Amino acid sequence: MKLSRKQRFFSQHLALLIQRAAQLGYEVTMGDVYRDPEWQQVMVRRGKSKTLESRHLKRLAVDLFLWKDDNVTWDCDDYQPLGEWWENLSPAHVWGGSWKMRDCVHFEVHP
């Protein structure tokens, strides 16, 4: 599948993810959707990422922040229902909260 098709698939499913977050009572903001290679190198040096092959480099990942009552949450337990929903929506979906080095705000599409 061409990269542009994967990006459109991800964008369509990202819209569903945001709607699901609203159904769970959250508003959302987005962090990185795209990272250039230089910024990814910085993220690895800072220990914020383990790979130079991040899906952010191809616009196939998003860091999504959940808000309730004007407060952002960093608690992985709050992201768990959304992450499980994301991974069940498609076999191509990966939630960072399932990783050994948990990244609960991270949602991506794999090949």
PDB file of N, CA and C in Angstrom:
ATOM      1  N   MET A   1       0.849  -1.175   0.000  1.00  0.00           N
ATOM      2  CA  MET A   1       0.000   0.000   0.000  1.00  0.00           C
ATOM      3  C   MET A   1       0.899   1.244   0.000  1.00  0.00           C
ATOM      4  N   LYS A   2       0.558   2.209  -0.844  1.00  0.00           N
ATOM      5  CA  LYS A   2       1.325   3.437  -0.923  1.00  0.00           C
ATOM      6  C   LYS A   2       1.224   4.219   0.384  1.00  0.00           C
ATOM      7  N   LEU A   3       2.278   4.980   0.680  1.00  0.00           N
ATOM      8  CA  LEU A   3       2.303   5.782   1.898  1.00  0.00           C
ATOM      9  C   LEU A   3       1.121   6.742   1.958  1.00  0.00           C
ATOM     10  N   SER A   4       0.788   7.376   0.864  1.00  0.00           N
ATOM     11  CA  SER A   4      -0.328   8.335   0.880  1.00  0.00           C
ATOM     12  C   SER A   4      -1.639   7.646   1.250  1.00  0.00           C
ATOM     13  N   ARG A   5      -1.816   6.407   0.847  1.00  0.00           N
ATOM     14  CA  ARG A   5      -3.026   5.658   1.199  1.00  0.00           C
ATOM     15  C   ARG A   5      -3.022   5.330   2.691  1.00  0.00           C
ATOM     16  N   LYS A   6      -1.861   4.936   3.220  1.00  0.00           N
ATOM     17  CA  LYS A   6      -1.748   4.667   4.656  1.00  0.00           C
ATOM     18  C   LYS A   6      -2.046   5.925   5.469  1.00  0.00           C
ATOM     19  N   GLN A   7      -1.561   7.080   4.986  1.00  0.00           N
ATOM     20  CA  GLN A   7      -1.817   8.338   5.689  1.00  0.00           C
ATOM     21  C   GLN A   7      -3.309   8.669   5.685  1.00  0.00           C
ATOM     22  N   ARG A   8      -3.989   8.432   4.593  1.00  0.00           N
ATOM     23  CA  ARG A   8      -5.433   8.684   4.537  1.00  0.00           C
ATOM     24  C   ARG A   8      -6.182   7.724   5.452  1.00  0.00           C
ATOM     25  N   PHE A   9      -5.774   6.472   5.481  1.00  0.00           N
ATOM     26  CA  PHE A   9      -6.370   5.488   6.390  1.00  0.00           C
ATOM     27  C   PHE A   9      -6.201   5.953   7.833  1.00  0.00           C
ATOM     28  N   PHE A  10      -4.972   6.359   8.176  1.00  0.00           N
ATOM     29  CA  PHE A  10      -4.704   6.829   9.527  1.00  0.00           C
ATOM     30  C   PHE A  10      -5.543   8.056   9.861  1.00  0.00           C
ATOM     31  N   SER A  11      -5.622   9.003   8.962  1.00  0.00           N
ATOM     32  CA  SER A  11      -6.405  10.227   9.207  1.00  0.00           C
ATOM     33  C   SER A  11      -7.877   9.915   9.446  1.00  0.00           C
ATOM     34  N   GLN A  12      -8.428   9.027   8.657  1.00  0.00           N
ATOM     35  CA  GLN A  12      -9.836   8.643   8.839  1.00  0.00           C
ATOM     36  C   GLN A  12     -10.041   7.981  10.193  1.00  0.00           C
ATOM     37  N   HIS A  13      -9.146   7.123  10.584  1.00  0.00           N
ATOM     38  CA  HIS A  13      -9.279   6.431  11.860  1.00  0.00           C
ATOM     39  C   HIS A  13      -8.953   7.345  13.038  1.00  0.00           C
ATOM     40  N   LEU A  14      -8.077   8.331  12.806  1.00  0.00           N
ATOM     41  CA  LEU A  14      -7.804   9.322  13.848  1.00  0.00           C
ATOM     42  C   LEU A  14      -9.075  10.105  14.175  1.00  0.00           C
ATOM     43  N   ALA A  15      -9.849  10.427  13.159  1.00  0.00           N
ATOM     44  CA  ALA A  15     -11.126  11.120  13.401  1.00  0.00           C
ATOM     45  C   ALA A  15     -12.038  10.264  14.284  1.00  0.00           C
ATOM     46  N   LEU A  16     -12.074   8.971  14.030  1.00  0.00           N
ATOM     47  CA  LEU A  16     -12.874   8.057  14.863  1.00  0.00           C
ATOM     48  C   LEU A  16     -12.339   7.997  16.285  1.00  0.00           C
ATOM     49  N   LEU A  17     -11.016   8.029  16.420  1.00  0.00           N
ATOM     50  CA  LEU A  17     -10.389   7.999  17.748  1.00  0.00           C
ATOM     51  C   LEU A  17     -10.774   9.239  18.556  1.00  0.00           C
ATOM     52  N   ILE A  18     -10.761  10.383  17.915  1.00  0.00           N
ATOM     53  CA  ILE A  18     -11.138  11.623  18.598  1.00  0.00           C
ATOM     54  C   ILE A  18     -12.613  11.581  19.002  1.00  0.00           C
ATOM     55  N   GLN A  19     -13.455  11.057  18.123  1.00  0.00           N
ATOM     56  CA  GLN A  19     -14.877  10.905  18.467  1.00  0.00           C
ATOM     57  C   GLN A  19     -15.059   9.959  19.643  1.00  0.00           C
ATOM     58  N   ARG A  20     -14.302   8.877  19.663  1.00  0.00           N
ATOM     59  CA  ARG A  20     -14.394   7.921  20.770  1.00  0.00           C
ATOM     60  C   ARG A  20     -13.957   8.574  22.080  1.00  0.00           C
ATOM     61  N   ALA A  21     -12.911   9.374  22.038  1.00  0.00           N
ATOM     62  CA  ALA A  21     -12.469  10.084  23.236  1.00  0.00           C
ATOM     63  C   ALA A  21     -13.592  10.982  23.757  1.00  0.00           C
ATOM     64  N   ALA A  22     -14.293  11.652  22.867  1.00  0.00           N
ATOM     65  CA  ALA A  22     -15.419  12.509  23.267  1.00  0.00           C
ATOM     66  C   ALA A  22     -16.527  11.678  23.905  1.00  0.00           C
ATOM     67  N   GLN A  23     -16.793  10.502  23.359  1.00  0.00           N
ATOM     68  CA  GLN A  23     -17.806   9.621  23.940  1.00  0.00           C
ATOM     69  C   GLN A  23     -17.422   9.186  25.356  1.00  0.00           C
ATOM     70  N   LEU A  24     -16.125   9.102  25.610  1.00  0.00           N
ATOM     71  CA  LEU A  24     -15.630   8.728  26.938  1.00  0.00           C
ATOM     72  C   LEU A  24     -15.548   9.936  27.882  1.00  0.00           C
ATOM     73  N   GLY A  25     -15.934  11.118  27.381  1.00  0.00           N
ATOM     74  CA  GLY A  25     -15.990  12.313  28.217  1.00  0.00           C
ATOM     75  C   GLY A  25     -14.758  13.194  28.169  1.00  0.00           C
ATOM     76  N   TYR A  26     -13.904  13.006  27.167  1.00  0.00           N
ATOM     77  CA  TYR A  26     -12.669  13.788  27.065  1.00  0.00           C
ATOM     78  C   TYR A  26     -12.707  14.738  25.873  1.00  0.00           C
ATOM     79  N   GLU A  27     -12.010  15.835  26.017  1.00  0.00           N
ATOM     80  CA  GLU A  27     -11.622  16.662  24.889  1.00  0.00           C
ATOM     81  C   GLU A  27     -10.176  16.285  24.599  1.00  0.00           C
ATOM     82  N   VAL A  28      -9.686  16.614  23.408  1.00  0.00           N
ATOM     83  CA  VAL A  28      -8.318  16.227  23.062  1.00  0.00           C
ATOM     84  C   VAL A  28      -7.557  17.392  22.449  1.00  0.00           C
ATOM     85  N   THR A  29      -6.257  17.354  22.626  1.00  0.00           N
ATOM     86  CA  THR A  29      -5.325  18.155  21.843  1.00  0.00           C
ATOM     87  C   THR A  29      -4.288  17.193  21.300  1.00  0.00           C
ATOM     88  N   MET A  30      -3.598  17.631  20.256  1.00  0.00           N
ATOM     89  CA  MET A  30      -2.610  16.764  19.636  1.00  0.00           C
ATOM     90  C   MET A  30      -1.215  17.323  19.817  1.00  0.00           C
ATOM     91  N   GLY A  31      -0.295  16.425  20.093  1.00  0.00           N
ATOM     92  CA  GLY A  31       1.120  16.758  20.070  1.00  0.00           C
ATOM     93  C   GLY A  31       1.646  16.414  18.690  1.00  0.00           C
ATOM     94  N   ASP A  32       2.783  15.770  18.647  1.00  0.00           N
ATOM     95  CA  ASP A  32       3.413  15.468  17.362  1.00  0.00           C
ATOM     96  C   ASP A  32       2.555  14.536  16.518  1.00  0.00           C
ATOM     97  N   VAL A  33       2.310  14.979  15.300  1.00  0.00           N
ATOM     98  CA  VAL A  33       1.787  14.109  14.259  1.00  0.00           C
ATOM     99  C   VAL A  33       2.931  13.857  13.273  1.00  0.00           C
ATOM    100  N   TYR A  34       3.670  14.905  12.963  1.00  0.00           N
ATOM    101  CA  TYR A  34       4.837  14.770  12.097  1.00  0.00           C
ATOM    102  C   TYR A  34       6.081  15.225  12.856  1.00  0.00           C
ATOM    103  N   ARG A  35       7.152  14.476  12.685  1.00  0.00           N
ATOM    104  CA  ARG A  35       8.482  14.859  13.170  1.00  0.00           C
ATOM    105  C   ARG A  35       9.453  14.757  12.007  1.00  0.00           C
ATOM    106  N   ASP A  36      10.293  15.757  11.861  1.00  0.00           N
ATOM    107  CA  ASP A  36      11.349  15.617  10.858  1.00  0.00           C
ATOM    108  C   ASP A  36      12.473  14.763  11.455  1.00  0.00           C
ATOM    109  N   PRO A  37      13.334  14.219  10.615  1.00  0.00           N
ATOM    110  CA  PRO A  37      14.374  13.312  11.102  1.00  0.00           C
ATOM    111  C   PRO A  37      15.291  13.935  12.164  1.00  0.00           C
ATOM    112  N   GLU A  38      15.579  15.226  12.029  1.00  0.00           N
ATOM    113  CA  GLU A  38      16.447  15.877  13.013  1.00  0.00           C
ATOM    114  C   GLU A  38      15.785  15.907  14.388  1.00  0.00           C
ATOM    115  N   TRP A  39      14.494  16.226  14.434  1.00  0.00           N
ATOM    116  CA  TRP A  39      13.782  16.259  15.720  1.00  0.00           C
ATOM    117  C   TRP A  39      13.690  14.853  16.302  1.00  0.00           C
ATOM    118  N   GLN A  40      13.527  13.851  15.470  1.00  0.00           N
ATOM    119  CA  GLN A  40      13.486  12.481  15.963  1.00  0.00           C
ATOM    120  C   GLN A  40      14.817  12.108  16.602  1.00  0.00           C
ATOM    121  N   GLN A  41      15.914  12.554  16.028  1.00  0.00           N
ATOM    122  CA  GLN A  41      17.224  12.303  16.622  1.00  0.00           C
ATOM    123  C   GLN A  41      17.322  12.948  18.004  1.00  0.00           C
ATOM    124  N   VAL A  42      16.786  14.151  18.139  1.00  0.00           N
ATOM    125  CA  VAL A  42      16.768  14.824  19.444  1.00  0.00           C
ATOM    126  C   VAL A  42      15.942  14.014  20.439  1.00  0.00           C
ATOM    127  N   MET A  43      14.785  13.513  20.006  1.00  0.00           N
ATOM    128  CA  MET A  43      13.918  12.727  20.883  1.00  0.00           C
ATOM    129  C   MET A  43      14.640  11.462  21.374  1.00  0.00           C
ATOM    130  N   VAL A  44      15.412  10.834  20.500  1.00  0.00           N
ATOM    131  CA  VAL A  44      16.174   9.644  20.893  1.00  0.00           C
ATOM    132  C   VAL A  44      17.274  10.031  21.882  1.00  0.00           C
ATOM    133  N   ARG A  45      18.009  11.098  21.593  1.00  0.00           N
ATOM    134  CA  ARG A  45      19.074  11.544  22.507  1.00  0.00           C
ATOM    135  C   ARG A  45      18.533  11.882  23.897  1.00  0.00           C
ATOM    136  N   ARG A  46      17.331  12.446  23.949  1.00  0.00           N
ATOM    137  CA  ARG A  46      16.714  12.808  25.229  1.00  0.00           C
ATOM    138  C   ARG A  46      16.059  11.620  25.931  1.00  0.00           C
ATOM    139  N   GLY A  47      16.031  10.471  25.277  1.00  0.00           N
ATOM    140  CA  GLY A  47      15.412   9.288  25.862  1.00  0.00           C
ATOM    141  C   GLY A  47      13.905   9.270  25.742  1.00  0.00           C
ATOM    142  N   LYS A  48      13.350  10.143  24.909  1.00  0.00           N
ATOM    143  CA  LYS A  48      11.894  10.210  24.716  1.00  0.00           C
ATOM    144  C   LYS A  48      11.422   9.232  23.649  1.00  0.00           C
ATOM    145  N   SER A  49      12.353   8.687  22.889  1.00  0.00           N
ATOM    146  CA  SER A  49      12.047   7.689  21.864  1.00  0.00           C
ATOM    147  C   SER A  49      13.211   6.710  21.812  1.00  0.00           C
ATOM    148  N   LYS A  50      12.914   5.496  21.397  1.00  0.00           N
ATOM    149  CA  LYS A  50      13.940   4.452  21.296  1.00  0.00           C
ATOM    150  C   LYS A  50      14.357   4.184  19.857  1.00  0.00           C
ATOM    151  N   THR A  51      13.724   4.854  18.901  1.00  0.00           N
ATOM    152  CA  THR A  51      13.969   4.511  17.497  1.00  0.00           C
ATOM    153  C   THR A  51      14.122   5.747  16.620  1.00  0.00           C
ATOM    154  N   LEU A  52      14.910   5.593  15.587  1.00  0.00           N
ATOM    155  CA  LEU A  52      15.003   6.625  14.554  1.00  0.00           C
ATOM    156  C   LEU A  52      14.014   6.341  13.421  1.00  0.00           C
ATOM    157  N   GLU A  53      13.204   5.298  13.584  1.00  0.00           N
ATOM    158  CA  GLU A  53      12.223   4.889  12.575  1.00  0.00           C
ATOM    159  C   GLU A  53      10.788   5.154  13.052  1.00  0.00           C
ATOM    160  N   SER A  54      10.575   6.200  13.808  1.00  0.00           N
ATOM    161  CA  SER A  54       9.251   6.509  14.348  1.00  0.00           C
ATOM    162  C   SER A  54       8.209   6.651  13.244  1.00  0.00           C
ATOM    163  N   ARG A  55       6.998   6.213  13.544  1.00  0.00           N
ATOM    164  CA  ARG A  55       5.879   6.367  12.596  1.00  0.00           C
ATOM    165  C   ARG A  55       5.517   7.845  12.427  1.00  0.00           C
ATOM    166  N   HIS A  56       5.940   8.696  13.362  1.00  0.00           N
ATOM    167  CA  HIS A  56       5.722  10.143  13.216  1.00  0.00           C
ATOM    168  C   HIS A  56       6.429  10.686  11.973  1.00  0.00           C
ATOM    169  N   LEU A  57       7.547  10.074  11.602  1.00  0.00           N
ATOM    170  CA  LEU A  57       8.307  10.531  10.435  1.00  0.00           C
ATOM    171  C   LEU A  57       7.502  10.401   9.149  1.00  0.00           C
ATOM    172  N   LYS A  58       6.530   9.495   9.159  1.00  0.00           N
ATOM    173  CA  LYS A  58       5.716   9.251   7.964  1.00  0.00           C
ATOM    174  C   LYS A  58       4.281   9.724   8.127  1.00  0.00           C
ATOM    175  N   ARG A  59       4.028  10.483   9.190  1.00  0.00           N
ATOM    176  CA  ARG A  59       2.680  10.988   9.490  1.00  0.00           C
ATOM    177  C   ARG A  59       1.690   9.844   9.698  1.00  0.00           C
ATOM    178  N   LEU A  60       2.162   8.808  10.395  1.00  0.00           N
ATOM    179  CA  LEU A  60       1.323   7.645  10.688  1.00  0.00           C
ATOM    180  C   LEU A  60       1.169   7.432  12.187  1.00  0.00           C
ATOM    181  N   ALA A  61       1.413   8.495  12.960  1.00  0.00           N
ATOM    182  CA  ALA A  61       1.279   8.423  14.418  1.00  0.00           C
ATOM    183  C   ALA A  61       0.864   9.787  14.943  1.00  0.00           C
ATOM    184  N   VAL A  62       0.262   9.752  16.130  1.00  0.00           N
ATOM    185  CA  VAL A  62      -0.123  10.990  16.812  1.00  0.00           C
ATOM    186  C   VAL A  62       0.086  10.807  18.309  1.00  0.00           C
ATOM    187  N   ASP A  63       0.463  11.880  18.958  1.00  0.00           N
ATOM    188  CA  ASP A  63       0.430  11.934  20.415  1.00  0.00           C
ATOM    189  C   ASP A  63      -0.831  12.716  20.762  1.00  0.00           C
ATOM    190  N   LEU A  64      -1.751  12.053  21.431  1.00  0.00           N
ATOM    191  CA  LEU A  64      -3.072  12.605  21.707  1.00  0.00           C
ATOM    192  C   LEU A  64      -3.205  12.813  23.215  1.00  0.00           C
ATOM    193  N   PHE A  65      -3.538  14.028  23.612  1.00  0.00           N
ATOM    194  CA  PHE A  65      -3.638  14.360  25.030  1.00  0.00           C
ATOM    195  C   PHE A  65      -5.098  14.491  25.431  1.00  0.00           C
ATOM    196  N   LEU A  66      -5.475  13.791  26.489  1.00  0.00           N
ATOM    197  CA  LEU A  66      -6.847  13.785  26.977  1.00  0.00           C
ATOM    198  C   LEU A  66      -7.048  14.862  28.030  1.00  0.00           C
ATOM    199  N   TRP A  67      -8.149  15.595  27.893  1.00  0.00           N
ATOM    200  CA  TRP A  67      -8.498  16.689  28.798  1.00  0.00           C
ATOM    201  C   TRP A  67      -9.873  16.452  29.387  1.00  0.00           C
ATOM    202  N   LYS A  68     -10.008  16.744  30.664  1.00  0.00           N
ATOM    203  CA  LYS A  68     -11.300  16.698  31.341  1.00  0.00           C
ATOM    204  C   LYS A  68     -11.313  17.828  32.355  1.00  0.00           C
ATOM    205  N   ASP A  69     -12.390  18.609  32.349  1.00  0.00           N
ATOM    206  CA  ASP A  69     -12.520  19.744  33.272  1.00  0.00           C
ATOM    207  C   ASP A  69     -11.311  20.675  33.184  1.00  0.00           C
ATOM    208  N   ASP A  70     -10.870  20.968  31.985  1.00  0.00           N
ATOM    209  CA  ASP A  70      -9.745  21.886  31.726  1.00  0.00           C
ATOM    210  C   ASP A  70      -8.405  21.404  32.276  1.00  0.00           C
ATOM    211  N   ASN A  71      -8.280  20.111  32.530  1.00  0.00           N
ATOM    212  CA  ASN A  71      -7.024  19.545  33.002  1.00  0.00           C
ATOM    213  C   ASN A  71      -6.614  18.383  32.109  1.00  0.00           C
ATOM    214  N   VAL A  72      -5.341  18.376  31.713  1.00  0.00           N
ATOM    215  CA  VAL A  72      -4.819  17.256  30.932  1.00  0.00           C
ATOM    216  C   VAL A  72      -4.482  16.117  31.898  1.00  0.00           C
ATOM    217  N   THR A  73      -4.681  14.905  31.449  1.00  0.00           N
ATOM    218  CA  THR A  73      -4.311  13.749  32.264  1.00  0.00           C
ATOM    219  C   THR A  73      -3.124  13.032  31.625  1.00  0.00           C
ATOM    220  N   TRP A  74      -2.220  12.572  32.472  1.00  0.00           N
ATOM    221  CA  TRP A  74      -1.068  11.786  32.039  1.00  0.00           C
ATOM    222  C   TRP A  74      -1.180  10.365  32.571  1.00  0.00           C
ATOM    223  N   ASP A  75      -2.271  10.065  33.248  1.00  0.00           N
ATOM    224  CA  ASP A  75      -2.476   8.757  33.877  1.00  0.00           C
ATOM    225  C   ASP A  75      -2.831   7.726  32.805  1.00  0.00           C
ATOM    226  N   CYS A  76      -1.982   6.713  32.672  1.00  0.00           N
ATOM    227  CA  CYS A  76      -2.223   5.674  31.655  1.00  0.00           C
ATOM    228  C   CYS A  76      -3.556   4.972  31.852  1.00  0.00           C
ATOM    229  N   ASP A  77      -4.048   4.899  33.072  1.00  0.00           N
ATOM    230  CA  ASP A  77      -5.353   4.277  33.313  1.00  0.00           C
ATOM    231  C   ASP A  77      -6.463   5.025  32.584  1.00  0.00           C
ATOM    232  N   ASP A  78      -6.322   6.338  32.440  1.00  0.00           N
ATOM    233  CA  ASP A  78      -7.321   7.118  31.707  1.00  0.00           C
ATOM    234  C   ASP A  78      -7.275   6.819  30.215  1.00  0.00           C
ATOM    235  N   TYR A  79      -6.096   6.499  29.699  1.00  0.00           N
ATOM    236  CA  TYR A  79      -5.924   6.210  28.274  1.00  0.00           C
ATOM    237  C   TYR A  79      -6.264   4.763  27.920  1.00  0.00           C
ATOM    238  N   GLN A  80      -6.271   3.892  28.905  1.00  0.00           N
ATOM    239  CA  GLN A  80      -6.439   2.458  28.666  1.00  0.00           C
ATOM    240  C   GLN A  80      -7.682   2.117  27.827  1.00  0.00           C
ATOM    241  N   PRO A  81      -8.886   2.606  28.197  1.00  0.00           N
ATOM    242  CA  PRO A  81     -10.055   2.243  27.383  1.00  0.00           C
ATOM    243  C   PRO A  81      -9.942   2.721  25.932  1.00  0.00           C
ATOM    244  N   LEU A  82      -9.357   3.896  25.745  1.00  0.00           N
ATOM    245  CA  LEU A  82      -9.188   4.424  24.395  1.00  0.00           C
ATOM    246  C   LEU A  82      -8.135   3.624  23.630  1.00  0.00           C
ATOM    247  N   GLY A  83      -7.050   3.275  24.299  1.00  0.00           N
ATOM    248  CA  GLY A  83      -5.999   2.481  23.659  1.00  0.00           C
ATOM    249  C   GLY A  83      -6.489   1.104  23.253  1.00  0.00           C
ATOM    250  N   GLU A  84      -7.251   0.462  24.137  1.00  0.00           N
ATOM    251  CA  GLU A  84      -7.800  -0.852  23.804  1.00  0.00           C
ATOM    252  C   GLU A  84      -8.782  -0.754  22.650  1.00  0.00           C
ATOM    253  N   TRP A  85      -9.600   0.287  22.652  1.00  0.00           N
ATOM    254  CA  TRP A  85     -10.555   0.502  21.561  1.00  0.00           C
ATOM    255  C   TRP A  85      -9.798   0.681  20.249  1.00  0.00           C
ATOM    256  N   TRP A  86      -8.724   1.486  20.260  1.00  0.00           N
ATOM    257  CA  TRP A  86      -7.917   1.743  19.071  1.00  0.00           C
ATOM    258  C   TRP A  86      -7.344   0.450  18.514  1.00  0.00           C
ATOM    259  N   GLU A  87      -6.762  -0.369  19.370  1.00  0.00           N
ATOM    260  CA  GLU A  87      -6.151  -1.604  18.892  1.00  0.00           C
ATOM    261  C   GLU A  87      -7.183  -2.605  18.381  1.00  0.00           C
ATOM    262  N   ASN A  88      -8.398  -2.539  18.884  1.00  0.00           N
ATOM    263  CA  ASN A  88      -9.453  -3.433  18.410  1.00  0.00           C
ATOM    264  C   ASN A  88     -10.131  -2.934  17.140  1.00  0.00           C
ATOM    265  N   LEU A  89      -9.949  -1.650  16.811  1.00  0.00           N
ATOM    266  CA  LEU A  89     -10.569  -1.084  15.611  1.00  0.00           C
ATOM    267  C   LEU A  89      -9.966  -1.674  14.339  1.00  0.00           C
ATOM    268  N   SER A  90      -8.658  -1.937  14.365  1.00  0.00           N
ATOM    269  CA  SER A  90      -7.986  -2.479  13.184  1.00  0.00           C
ATOM    270  C   SER A  90      -6.724  -3.220  13.620  1.00  0.00           C
ATOM    271  N   PRO A  91      -6.398  -4.323  12.944  1.00  0.00           N
ATOM    272  CA  PRO A  91      -5.151  -5.021  13.272  1.00  0.00           C
ATOM    273  C   PRO A  91      -3.913  -4.179  12.951  1.00  0.00           C
ATOM    274  N   ALA A  92      -4.073  -3.115  12.178  1.00  0.00           N
ATOM    275  CA  ALA A  92      -2.946  -2.239  11.843  1.00  0.00           C
ATOM    276  C   ALA A  92      -2.654  -1.222  12.946  1.00  0.00           C
ATOM    277  N   HIS A  93      -3.535  -1.112  13.924  1.00  0.00           N
ATOM    278  CA  HIS A  93      -3.388  -0.094  14.967  1.00  0.00           C
ATOM    279  C   HIS A  93      -2.515  -0.573  16.123  1.00  0.00           C
ATOM    280  N   VAL A  94      -1.696   0.344  16.610  1.00  0.00           N
ATOM    281  CA  VAL A  94      -0.843   0.087  17.765  1.00  0.00           C
ATOM    282  C   VAL A  94      -1.003   1.250  18.732  1.00  0.00           C
ATOM    283  N   TRP A  95      -1.157   0.911  20.003  1.00  0.00           N
ATOM    284  CA  TRP A  95      -1.225   1.920  21.067  1.00  0.00           C
ATOM    285  C   TRP A  95       0.051   1.828  21.891  1.00  0.00           C
ATOM    286  N   GLY A  96       0.688   2.970  22.118  1.00  0.00           N
ATOM    287  CA  GLY A  96       1.941   3.009  22.864  1.00  0.00           C
ATOM    288  C   GLY A  96       1.829   2.544  24.308  1.00  0.00           C
ATOM    289  N   GLY A  97       0.630   2.512  24.854  1.00  0.00           N
ATOM    290  CA  GLY A  97       0.446   2.026  26.213  1.00  0.00           C
ATOM    291  C   GLY A  97       0.637   0.527  26.340  1.00  0.00           C
ATOM    292  N   SER A  98       0.696  -0.173  25.203  1.00  0.00           N
ATOM    293  CA  SER A  98       0.921  -1.618  25.202  1.00  0.00           C
ATOM    294  C   SER A  98       2.399  -1.979  25.146  1.00  0.00           C
ATOM    295  N   TRP A  99       3.248  -0.994  24.970  1.00  0.00           N
ATOM    296  CA  TRP A  99       4.674  -1.248  24.853  1.00  0.00           C
ATOM    297  C   TRP A  99       5.311  -1.437  26.224  1.00  0.00           C
ATOM    298  N   LYS A 100       6.485  -2.074  26.211  1.00  0.00           N
ATOM    299  CA  LYS A 100       7.253  -2.246  27.447  1.00  0.00           C
ATOM    300  C   LYS A 100       7.608  -0.876  28.034  1.00  0.00           C
ATOM    301  N   MET A 101       8.126   0.026  27.188  1.00  0.00           N
ATOM    302  CA  MET A 101       8.354   1.411  27.586  1.00  0.00           C
ATOM    303  C   MET A 101       7.079   2.180  27.222  1.00  0.00           C
ATOM    304  N   ARG A 102       6.145   2.224  28.140  1.00  0.00           N
ATOM    305  CA  ARG A 102       4.811   2.748  27.859  1.00  0.00           C
ATOM    306  C   ARG A 102       4.843   4.201  27.397  1.00  0.00           C
ATOM    307  N   ASP A 103       4.042   4.467  26.376  1.00  0.00           N
ATOM    308  CA  ASP A 103       3.853   5.817  25.834  1.00  0.00           C
ATOM    309  C   ASP A 103       2.359   5.954  25.598  1.00  0.00           C
ATOM    310  N   CYS A 104       1.633   6.195  26.666  1.00  0.00           N
ATOM    311  CA  CYS A 104       0.173   6.092  26.649  1.00  0.00           C
ATOM    312  C   CYS A 104      -0.521   7.110  25.768  1.00  0.00           C
ATOM    313  N   VAL A 105       0.153   8.194  25.414  1.00  0.00           N
ATOM    314  CA  VAL A 105      -0.467   9.211  24.555  1.00  0.00           C
ATOM    315  C   VAL A 105      -0.280   8.909  23.076  1.00  0.00           C
ATOM    316  N   HIS A 106       0.447   7.842  22.752  1.00  0.00           N
ATOM    317  CA  HIS A 106       0.849   7.543  21.374  1.00  0.00           C
ATOM    318  C   HIS A 106      -0.088   6.523  20.717  1.00  0.00           C
ATOM    319  N   PHE A 107      -0.563   6.897  19.525  1.00  0.00           N
ATOM    320  CA  PHE A 107      -1.433   6.039  18.709  1.00  0.00           C
ATOM    321  C   PHE A 107      -0.862   6.032  17.289  1.00  0.00           C
ATOM    322  N   GLU A 108      -0.740   4.832  16.706  1.00  0.00           N
ATOM    323  CA  GLU A 108      -0.129   4.747  15.377  1.00  0.00           C
ATOM    324  C   GLU A 108      -0.747   3.646  14.533  1.00  0.00           C
ATOM    325  N   VAL A 109      -0.375   3.699  13.253  1.00  0.00           N
ATOM    326  CA  VAL A 109      -0.728   2.657  12.285  1.00  0.00           C
ATOM    327  C   VAL A 109       0.561   1.999  11.844  1.00  0.00           C
ATOM    328  N   HIS A 110       0.554   0.684  11.823  1.00  0.00           N
ATOM    329  CA  HIS A 110       1.707  -0.091  11.341  1.00  0.00           C
ATOM    330  C   HIS A 110       1.388  -0.648   9.966  1.00  0.00           C
ATOM    331  N   PRO A 111       2.440  -1.009   9.224  1.00  0.00           N
ATOM    332  CA  PRO A 111       2.220  -1.507   7.858  1.00  0.00           C
ATOM    333  C   PRO A 111       1.225  -2.629   7.759  1.00  0.00           C
TER     334      PRO A 111
END
